[in-house]
Amino acid sequence: MNTLLSRITIDPAVCHGKPCVRGLRYPVENLLELLSGGMTPDEILADYADLEREDISAVLAFAEAKSHIWAIGLRERRES
């Protein structure tokens, strides 16, 4: 497993089972929203002191990995 992806945890007892960073109750989707809204990794790290730079990279790696699954699903629907 990619070591960055090991930073993303899924626990039904944390944030209703949403993928989070190291079980810290920072859902991947929230951090992606901050990034897509224009915040830089440095700004996010300044606002959330318990996050590490590798956590931001892990969020992006997780999103990238999930995008491959979605693309396959779209291709299969178009072919049917």
C-alpha atoms as a PDB file:
ATOM      1  CA  MET A   1       0.000   0.000   0.000  1.00  0.00           C
ATOM      2  CA  ASN A   2       1.159   3.521  -0.756  1.00  0.00           C
ATOM      3  CA  THR A   3       2.527   4.964   2.508  1.00  0.00           C
ATOM      4  CA  LEU A   4       0.657   8.203   1.888  1.00  0.00           C
ATOM      5  CA  LEU A   5      -2.626   6.339   1.575  1.00  0.00           C
ATOM      6  CA  SER A   6      -1.998   4.648   4.916  1.00  0.00           C
ATOM      7  CA  ARG A   7      -2.550   8.090   6.479  1.00  0.00           C
ATOM      8  CA  ILE A   8      -6.192   7.967   5.372  1.00  0.00           C
ATOM      9  CA  THR A   9      -8.366   6.038   7.794  1.00  0.00           C
ATOM     10  CA  ILE A  10     -11.954   4.873   7.643  1.00  0.00           C
ATOM     11  CA  ASP A  11     -13.570   4.149  10.993  1.00  0.00           C
ATOM     12  CA  PRO A  12     -17.346   3.951  11.493  1.00  0.00           C
ATOM     13  CA  ALA A  13     -16.869   5.639  14.892  1.00  0.00           C
ATOM     14  CA  VAL A  14     -15.099   8.679  13.396  1.00  0.00           C
ATOM     15  CA  CYS A  15     -17.016  11.159  11.211  1.00  0.00           C
ATOM     16  CA  HIS A  16     -19.656   8.552  10.355  1.00  0.00           C
ATOM     17  CA  GLY A  17     -17.122   6.401   8.519  1.00  0.00           C
ATOM     18  CA  LYS A  18     -15.969   9.061   6.090  1.00  0.00           C
ATOM     19  CA  PRO A  19     -12.318   8.832   5.010  1.00  0.00           C
ATOM     20  CA  CYS A  20     -10.287  10.973   7.430  1.00  0.00           C
ATOM     21  CA  VAL A  21      -6.680  11.930   7.978  1.00  0.00           C
ATOM     22  CA  ARG A  22      -5.071   9.692  10.615  1.00  0.00           C
ATOM     23  CA  GLY A  23      -8.349   9.361  12.521  1.00  0.00           C
ATOM     24  CA  LEU A  24      -8.148  13.046  13.492  1.00  0.00           C
ATOM     25  CA  ARG A  25     -11.698  13.918  12.429  1.00  0.00           C
ATOM     26  CA  TYR A  26     -10.505  15.822   9.392  1.00  0.00           C
ATOM     27  CA  PRO A  27     -12.520  14.308   6.545  1.00  0.00           C
ATOM     28  CA  VAL A  28     -10.725  14.069   3.211  1.00  0.00           C
ATOM     29  CA  GLU A  29     -13.636  15.837   1.523  1.00  0.00           C
ATOM     30  CA  ASN A  30     -13.282  18.899   3.790  1.00  0.00           C
ATOM     31  CA  LEU A  31      -9.590  19.267   3.071  1.00  0.00           C
ATOM     32  CA  LEU A  32     -10.236  18.858  -0.661  1.00  0.00           C
ATOM     33  CA  GLU A  33     -12.843  21.621  -0.431  1.00  0.00           C
ATOM     34  CA  LEU A  34     -10.305  23.916   1.212  1.00  0.00           C
ATOM     35  CA  LEU A  35      -7.740  23.169  -1.512  1.00  0.00           C
ATOM     36  CA  SER A  36     -10.228  23.569  -4.349  1.00  0.00           C
ATOM     37  CA  GLY A  37     -11.414  26.822  -2.769  1.00  0.00           C
ATOM     38  CA  GLY A  38      -7.940  28.255  -3.179  1.00  0.00           C
ATOM     39  CA  MET A  39      -6.236  27.633   0.159  1.00  0.00           C
ATOM     40  CA  THR A  40      -2.626  26.589  -0.132  1.00  0.00           C
ATOM     41  CA  PRO A  41      -1.234  23.645   1.819  1.00  0.00           C
ATOM     42  CA  ASP A  42       0.743  26.127   3.928  1.00  0.00           C
ATOM     43  CA  GLU A  43      -2.439  28.022   4.818  1.00  0.00           C
ATOM     44  CA  ILE A  44      -4.210  24.814   5.792  1.00  0.00           C
ATOM     45  CA  LEU A  45      -1.256  23.705   7.913  1.00  0.00           C
ATOM     46  CA  ALA A  46      -1.204  27.091   9.656  1.00  0.00           C
ATOM     47  CA  ASP A  47      -4.910  26.785  10.497  1.00  0.00           C
ATOM     48  CA  TYR A  48      -4.796  23.124  11.583  1.00  0.00           C
ATOM     49  CA  ALA A  49      -1.659  22.648  13.667  1.00  0.00           C
ATOM     50  CA  ASP A  50      -2.125  18.901  14.134  1.00  0.00           C
ATOM     51  CA  LEU A  51      -1.959  18.254  10.383  1.00  0.00           C
ATOM     52  CA  GLU A  52       1.334  17.516   8.644  1.00  0.00           C
ATOM     53  CA  ARG A  53       2.404  18.296   5.093  1.00  0.00           C
ATOM     54  CA  GLU A  54       2.270  14.574   4.279  1.00  0.00           C
ATOM     55  CA  ASP A  55      -1.411  14.576   5.305  1.00  0.00           C
ATOM     56  CA  ILE A  56      -2.201  17.065   2.536  1.00  0.00           C
ATOM     57  CA  SER A  57      -0.297  14.893   0.070  1.00  0.00           C
ATOM     58  CA  ALA A  58      -2.234  11.868   1.341  1.00  0.00           C
ATOM     59  CA  VAL A  59      -5.552  13.636   0.741  1.00  0.00           C
ATOM     60  CA  LEU A  60      -4.542  14.352  -2.854  1.00  0.00           C
ATOM     61  CA  ALA A  61      -3.261  10.800  -3.369  1.00  0.00           C
ATOM     62  CA  PHE A  62      -6.548   9.413  -2.018  1.00  0.00           C
ATOM     63  CA  ALA A  63      -8.585  11.616  -4.359  1.00  0.00           C
ATOM     64  CA  GLU A  64      -6.389  10.619  -7.292  1.00  0.00           C
ATOM     65  CA  ALA A  65      -6.792   6.926  -6.493  1.00  0.00           C
ATOM     66  CA  LYS A  66     -10.570   7.265  -6.245  1.00  0.00           C
ATOM     67  CA  SER A  67     -10.772   9.151  -9.533  1.00  0.00           C
ATOM     68  CA  HIS A  68      -9.473   6.084 -11.373  1.00  0.00           C
ATOM     69  CA  ILE A  69     -12.330   3.978 -10.052  1.00  0.00           C
ATOM     70  CA  TRP A  70     -14.864   6.607 -11.093  1.00  0.00           C
ATOM     71  CA  ALA A  71     -13.403   6.870 -14.596  1.00  0.00           C
ATOM     72  CA  ILE A  72     -13.692   3.113 -15.073  1.00  0.00           C
ATOM     73  CA  GLY A  73     -17.320   3.253 -13.964  1.00  0.00           C
ATOM     74  CA  LEU A  74     -18.102   5.992 -16.480  1.00  0.00           C
ATOM     75  CA  ARG A  75     -16.421   4.094 -19.298  1.00  0.00           C
ATOM     76  CA  GLU A  76     -18.414   0.942 -18.494  1.00  0.00           C
ATOM     77  CA  ARG A  77     -21.703   2.875 -18.532  1.00  0.00           C
ATOM     78  CA  ARG A  78     -20.925   4.451 -21.901  1.00  0.00           C
ATOM     79  CA  GLU A  79     -20.105   1.105 -23.474  1.00  0.00           C
ATOM     80  CA  SER A  80     -23.370  -0.533 -22.415  1.00  0.00           C
END
